[in-house]
Protein backbone atom coordinates (compact mmCIF):
# COMPACT_ATOMS: atom_id res chain seq x y z
CA UNK A 1 43.88 141.59 9.74
CA UNK A 2 42.55 138.26 8.41
CA UNK A 3 40.88 135.66 10.55
CA UNK A 4 43.21 133.40 12.48
CA UNK A 5 42.84 129.70 11.67
CA UNK A 6 40.93 127.77 14.30
CA UNK A 7 43.31 125.75 16.46
CA UNK A 8 42.56 122.14 17.29
CA UNK A 9 43.70 120.51 20.48
CA UNK A 10 45.81 117.34 20.42
CA UNK A 11 42.75 115.38 21.55
CA UNK A 12 40.66 116.82 18.69
CA UNK A 13 43.39 115.93 16.19
CA UNK A 14 43.57 112.36 17.52
CA UNK A 15 39.80 112.00 17.38
CA UNK A 16 39.57 113.34 13.82
CA UNK A 17 42.40 111.07 12.67
CA UNK A 18 40.82 108.08 14.45
CA UNK A 19 37.43 108.70 12.83
CA UNK A 20 39.01 109.08 9.39
CA UNK A 21 41.12 105.96 9.86
CA UNK A 22 38.01 103.98 10.82
CA UNK A 23 36.27 105.25 7.67
CA UNK A 24 39.25 104.35 5.47
CA UNK A 25 39.60 100.91 7.08
CA UNK A 26 35.92 99.99 6.85
CA UNK A 27 36.18 98.31 3.44
CA UNK A 28 38.86 95.91 4.70
CA UNK A 29 37.55 92.65 6.14
CA UNK A 30 40.39 92.20 8.62
CA UNK A 31 42.11 94.86 10.73
CA UNK A 32 44.88 92.35 11.43
CA UNK A 33 45.58 91.93 7.72
CA UNK A 34 45.35 95.68 7.13
CA UNK A 35 47.83 96.45 9.92
CA UNK A 36 50.21 93.84 8.46
CA UNK A 37 49.98 95.50 5.04
CA UNK A 38 50.77 98.83 6.65
CA UNK A 39 53.62 97.38 8.75
CA UNK A 40 52.03 98.64 11.97
CA UNK A 41 51.59 96.66 15.18
CA UNK A 42 47.94 95.60 15.53
CA UNK A 43 47.67 96.93 19.11
CA UNK A 44 49.14 100.27 18.10
CA UNK A 45 46.87 100.46 15.06
CA UNK A 46 43.83 99.93 17.32
CA UNK A 47 45.01 102.86 19.44
CA UNK A 48 45.08 105.04 16.30
CA UNK A 49 41.55 103.86 15.42
CA UNK A 50 40.21 104.73 18.87
CA UNK A 51 41.85 108.15 18.95
CA UNK A 52 44.03 107.19 21.93
CA UNK A 53 47.31 107.66 20.09
CA UNK A 54 48.80 109.48 17.16
CA UNK A 55 51.37 108.12 14.65
CA UNK A 56 54.90 109.40 14.16
CA UNK A 57 55.40 111.52 11.01
CA UNK A 58 56.94 108.61 9.06
CA UNK A 59 54.08 106.28 10.01
CA UNK A 60 51.52 108.96 9.15
CA UNK A 61 53.17 109.36 5.73
CA UNK A 62 52.95 105.59 5.20
CA UNK A 63 49.25 105.55 6.12
CA UNK A 64 48.47 108.51 3.82
CA UNK A 65 50.32 106.88 0.91
CA UNK A 66 48.53 103.56 1.43
CA UNK A 67 45.05 105.09 1.47
CA UNK A 68 45.91 107.76 -1.16
CA UNK A 69 44.99 110.73 1.05
CA UNK A 70 47.02 113.69 2.25
CA UNK A 71 47.76 115.18 5.66
CA UNK A 72 44.35 116.86 5.78
CA UNK A 73 43.28 113.50 7.21
CA UNK A 74 44.22 115.17 10.53
CA UNK A 75 41.93 118.15 10.09
CA UNK A 76 38.93 117.29 7.89
CA UNK A 77 36.47 114.40 7.53
CA UNK A 78 37.85 112.02 4.95
CA UNK A 79 34.75 112.27 2.74
CA UNK A 80 35.42 116.01 2.35
CA UNK A 81 39.04 115.32 1.40
CA UNK A 82 37.94 112.79 -1.20
CA UNK A 83 35.37 115.17 -2.62
CA UNK A 84 37.93 117.94 -3.07
CA UNK A 85 40.43 115.56 -4.68
CA UNK A 86 37.86 113.85 -6.90
CA UNK A 87 34.83 116.00 -7.86
CA UNK A 88 32.67 113.07 -8.97
CA UNK A 89 33.18 111.50 -5.52
CA UNK A 90 31.35 114.46 -4.00
CA UNK A 91 28.50 113.18 -1.81
CA UNK A 92 26.01 114.84 -4.18
CA UNK A 93 27.17 112.51 -7.02
CA UNK A 94 28.33 109.55 -4.92
CA UNK A 95 25.42 107.23 -5.76
CA UNK A 96 25.00 108.53 -9.32
CA UNK A 97 28.00 109.40 -11.55
CA UNK A 98 30.60 108.05 -9.12
CA UNK A 99 28.82 104.71 -8.84
CA UNK A 100 29.45 104.03 -12.53
CA UNK A 101 32.94 105.54 -12.62
CA UNK A 102 34.32 103.47 -9.74
CA UNK A 103 35.66 99.94 -10.04
CA UNK A 104 34.87 99.30 -13.71
CA UNK A 105 35.36 95.55 -14.12
CA UNK A 106 38.48 94.38 -15.99
CA UNK A 107 36.39 91.55 -17.43
CA UNK A 108 33.82 94.04 -18.66
CA UNK A 109 36.34 96.47 -20.20
CA UNK A 110 40.01 95.42 -19.83
CA UNK A 111 42.98 97.75 -19.51
CA UNK A 112 45.25 98.02 -22.52
CA UNK A 113 45.26 99.26 -26.10
CA UNK A 114 42.25 99.59 -28.40
CA UNK A 115 41.87 100.36 -32.09
CA UNK A 116 38.78 102.45 -32.84
CA UNK A 117 37.11 103.41 -36.10
CA UNK A 118 34.29 105.81 -36.90
CA UNK A 119 33.10 108.02 -39.72
CA UNK A 120 34.86 111.37 -39.82
CA UNK A 121 32.84 114.28 -38.44
CA UNK A 122 34.38 116.69 -40.94
CA UNK A 123 34.78 114.48 -44.05
CA UNK A 124 31.82 112.14 -44.28
CA UNK A 125 33.26 110.20 -47.22
CA UNK A 126 36.07 108.75 -45.06
CA UNK A 127 36.58 107.09 -41.70
CA UNK A 128 38.94 107.85 -38.83
CA UNK A 129 41.01 104.98 -37.40
CA UNK A 130 42.92 105.57 -34.18
CA UNK A 131 44.43 103.94 -31.11
CA UNK A 132 43.71 104.67 -27.45
CA UNK A 133 44.88 103.19 -24.18
CA UNK A 134 42.66 102.33 -21.22
CA UNK A 135 44.28 102.30 -17.79
CA UNK A 136 43.32 102.07 -14.12
CA UNK A 137 44.31 104.47 -11.36
CA UNK A 138 42.87 103.51 -8.00
CA UNK A 139 39.16 102.89 -8.40
CA UNK A 140 38.88 104.93 -11.62
CA UNK A 141 39.37 103.91 -15.27
CA UNK A 142 40.77 106.41 -17.76
CA UNK A 143 41.27 106.68 -21.51
CA UNK A 144 44.05 108.50 -23.37
CA UNK A 145 44.74 108.96 -27.06
CA UNK A 146 45.98 111.26 -29.80
CA UNK A 147 44.16 112.55 -32.87
CA UNK A 148 45.99 111.76 -36.09
CA UNK A 149 48.04 114.52 -37.72
CA UNK A 150 45.98 114.29 -40.91
CA UNK A 151 42.73 114.75 -38.99
CA UNK A 152 44.10 117.88 -37.34
CA UNK A 153 45.42 119.30 -40.60
CA UNK A 154 42.07 119.01 -42.36
CA UNK A 155 40.58 121.16 -39.57
CA UNK A 156 43.42 123.70 -39.74
CA UNK A 157 44.36 122.87 -36.15
CA UNK A 158 47.84 122.61 -34.57
CA UNK A 159 49.48 119.20 -34.94
CA UNK A 160 51.78 119.19 -31.92
CA UNK A 161 51.21 116.33 -29.42
CA UNK A 162 49.67 118.65 -26.82
CA UNK A 163 47.00 119.83 -29.25
CA UNK A 164 46.27 116.29 -30.50
CA UNK A 165 45.96 114.62 -27.08
CA UNK A 166 42.58 113.75 -25.58
CA UNK A 167 41.66 112.06 -22.30
CA UNK A 168 38.51 110.61 -20.81
CA UNK A 169 36.94 108.84 -17.87
CA UNK A 170 35.21 105.48 -18.28
CA UNK A 171 31.91 104.59 -16.61
CA UNK A 172 30.20 101.21 -16.51
CA UNK A 173 26.50 100.82 -17.16
CA UNK A 174 24.37 97.72 -16.83
CA UNK A 175 24.70 96.91 -20.53
CA UNK A 176 27.69 98.93 -21.73
CA UNK A 177 30.43 101.49 -21.28
CA UNK A 178 30.29 105.28 -21.50
CA UNK A 179 33.38 107.47 -21.89
CA UNK A 180 33.41 111.24 -21.44
CA UNK A 181 36.31 112.57 -23.53
CA UNK A 182 37.92 116.01 -23.60
CA UNK A 183 40.88 117.83 -25.06
CA UNK A 184 43.14 119.87 -22.81
CA UNK A 185 41.34 122.83 -21.21
CA UNK A 186 38.06 121.25 -22.38
CA UNK A 187 38.52 122.78 -25.84
CA UNK A 188 36.29 120.03 -27.30
CA UNK A 189 34.30 117.23 -25.72
CA UNK A 190 32.59 114.06 -26.86
CA UNK A 191 30.43 111.31 -25.43
CA UNK A 192 31.06 107.65 -26.27
CA UNK A 193 28.75 104.71 -25.68
CA UNK A 194 29.87 101.13 -26.35
CA UNK A 195 28.46 97.64 -25.81
CA UNK A 196 30.23 94.34 -26.33
CA UNK A 197 29.41 92.29 -29.42
CA UNK A 198 29.90 88.60 -30.04
CA UNK A 199 33.22 87.84 -31.74
CA UNK A 200 35.78 85.04 -31.88
CA UNK A 201 38.02 86.55 -29.19
CA UNK A 202 35.27 88.56 -27.46
CA UNK A 203 37.30 91.71 -28.14
CA UNK A 204 34.91 94.05 -29.96
CA UNK A 205 32.57 96.79 -28.78
CA UNK A 206 30.22 98.83 -30.96
CA UNK A 207 28.24 101.94 -30.22
CA UNK A 208 28.34 105.60 -31.13
CA UNK A 209 30.14 108.85 -30.46
CA UNK A 210 28.63 112.33 -30.29
CA UNK A 211 30.48 115.64 -30.38
CA UNK A 212 29.30 118.61 -28.37
CA UNK A 213 28.76 121.29 -31.01
CA UNK A 214 25.75 123.49 -31.85
CA UNK A 215 23.26 122.23 -34.41
CA UNK A 216 24.25 125.08 -36.74
CA UNK A 217 27.81 123.74 -37.09
CA UNK A 218 28.32 121.73 -40.28
CA UNK A 219 29.20 118.05 -40.39
CA UNK A 220 28.06 115.11 -38.32
CA UNK A 221 27.31 115.35 -34.64
CA UNK A 222 26.82 111.59 -34.00
CA UNK A 223 28.04 108.46 -35.72
CA UNK A 224 28.70 104.76 -35.09
CA UNK A 225 31.99 103.72 -33.55
CA UNK A 226 33.85 100.42 -33.08
CA UNK A 227 36.45 99.57 -30.42
CA UNK A 228 38.72 96.55 -30.86
CA UNK A 229 40.83 95.36 -27.91
CA UNK A 230 44.43 94.79 -29.02
CA UNK A 231 46.11 93.76 -25.77
CA UNK A 232 47.84 95.17 -22.69
CA UNK A 233 51.34 95.69 -24.13
CA UNK A 234 52.54 98.59 -26.31
CA UNK A 235 53.81 96.13 -28.92
CA UNK A 236 50.24 94.84 -29.29
CA UNK A 237 49.29 98.23 -30.73
CA UNK A 238 52.34 99.03 -32.85
CA UNK A 239 50.92 97.86 -36.18
CA UNK A 240 47.57 99.54 -35.55
CA UNK A 241 49.35 102.77 -34.56
CA UNK A 242 51.07 102.87 -37.96
CA UNK A 243 47.68 102.72 -39.70
CA UNK A 244 45.88 105.56 -37.93
CA UNK A 245 44.30 108.42 -39.85
CA UNK A 246 41.76 108.68 -42.68
CA UNK A 247 40.58 105.52 -44.45
CA UNK A 248 38.12 104.88 -47.23
CA UNK A 249 35.31 102.38 -46.67
CA UNK A 250 37.07 99.57 -48.53
CA UNK A 251 40.24 100.16 -46.48
CA UNK A 252 38.54 99.38 -43.18
CA UNK A 253 39.15 96.03 -41.52
CA UNK A 254 36.30 93.68 -42.54
CA UNK A 255 34.74 93.28 -39.10
CA UNK A 256 35.02 97.01 -38.39
CA UNK A 257 33.26 97.71 -41.70
CA UNK A 258 30.53 95.19 -40.87
CA UNK A 259 29.87 96.74 -37.46
CA UNK A 260 29.97 100.33 -38.73
CA UNK A 261 27.32 99.59 -41.41
CA UNK A 262 28.59 102.40 -43.68
CA UNK A 263 25.62 102.06 -46.07
CA UNK A 264 23.06 102.44 -43.29
CA UNK A 265 22.19 105.82 -41.77
CA UNK A 266 22.84 106.23 -38.06
CA UNK A 267 19.80 107.01 -35.95
């Protein structure tokens, strides 16, 4: 017979919940304001914090939804719950990878739609133009996009939306942005680095992208890349979305072409 799960007494459950609630509440300046946001009486909320009382199931569900945790908040330290839900929040990476991936400033890299351009990895005489969307979810910033049908066809790859989709996580550095990008099931991966450049609307970033392939594989492994912020609404990106795919050098937008420096080798 398997091992029986260790039972916790009501007092142990209250104490664990109280400790976790104190940890979750620590970043809020005012317990009074926090209890108002939760719709819980301040005196009762203090009893939860001290481990003297335990919430009803509906109140517990409200607290879990507010702090984006699950019912394991009764059984495990909250930092362990966070680590299992979000691997880069693991204590081992907390002050390293997670520090850059949390709370990326909207001013630094706003949410919304971006047009990007770069030289093709497989056809070095042309450039790829595409559109991605940047969005926030909690403290994290994510990227999502789709490879163009023509770019997939030239590689003899499937062209259905699932095969073309890629996603990434955005991290802020002191002087730029990095994005780790992957296709579903990590079939391919790439690393993007971008820094803001002076422009009329302050809406351009330039950097490079590298693909994770062996040196023996033909084609480029690293090339310059430009991101242009289009706006937060889908209609802001509609025209750009109709122009995705392969483009010759003289078909690039002038400022994209200037930043990509197509006549200068990347190093």
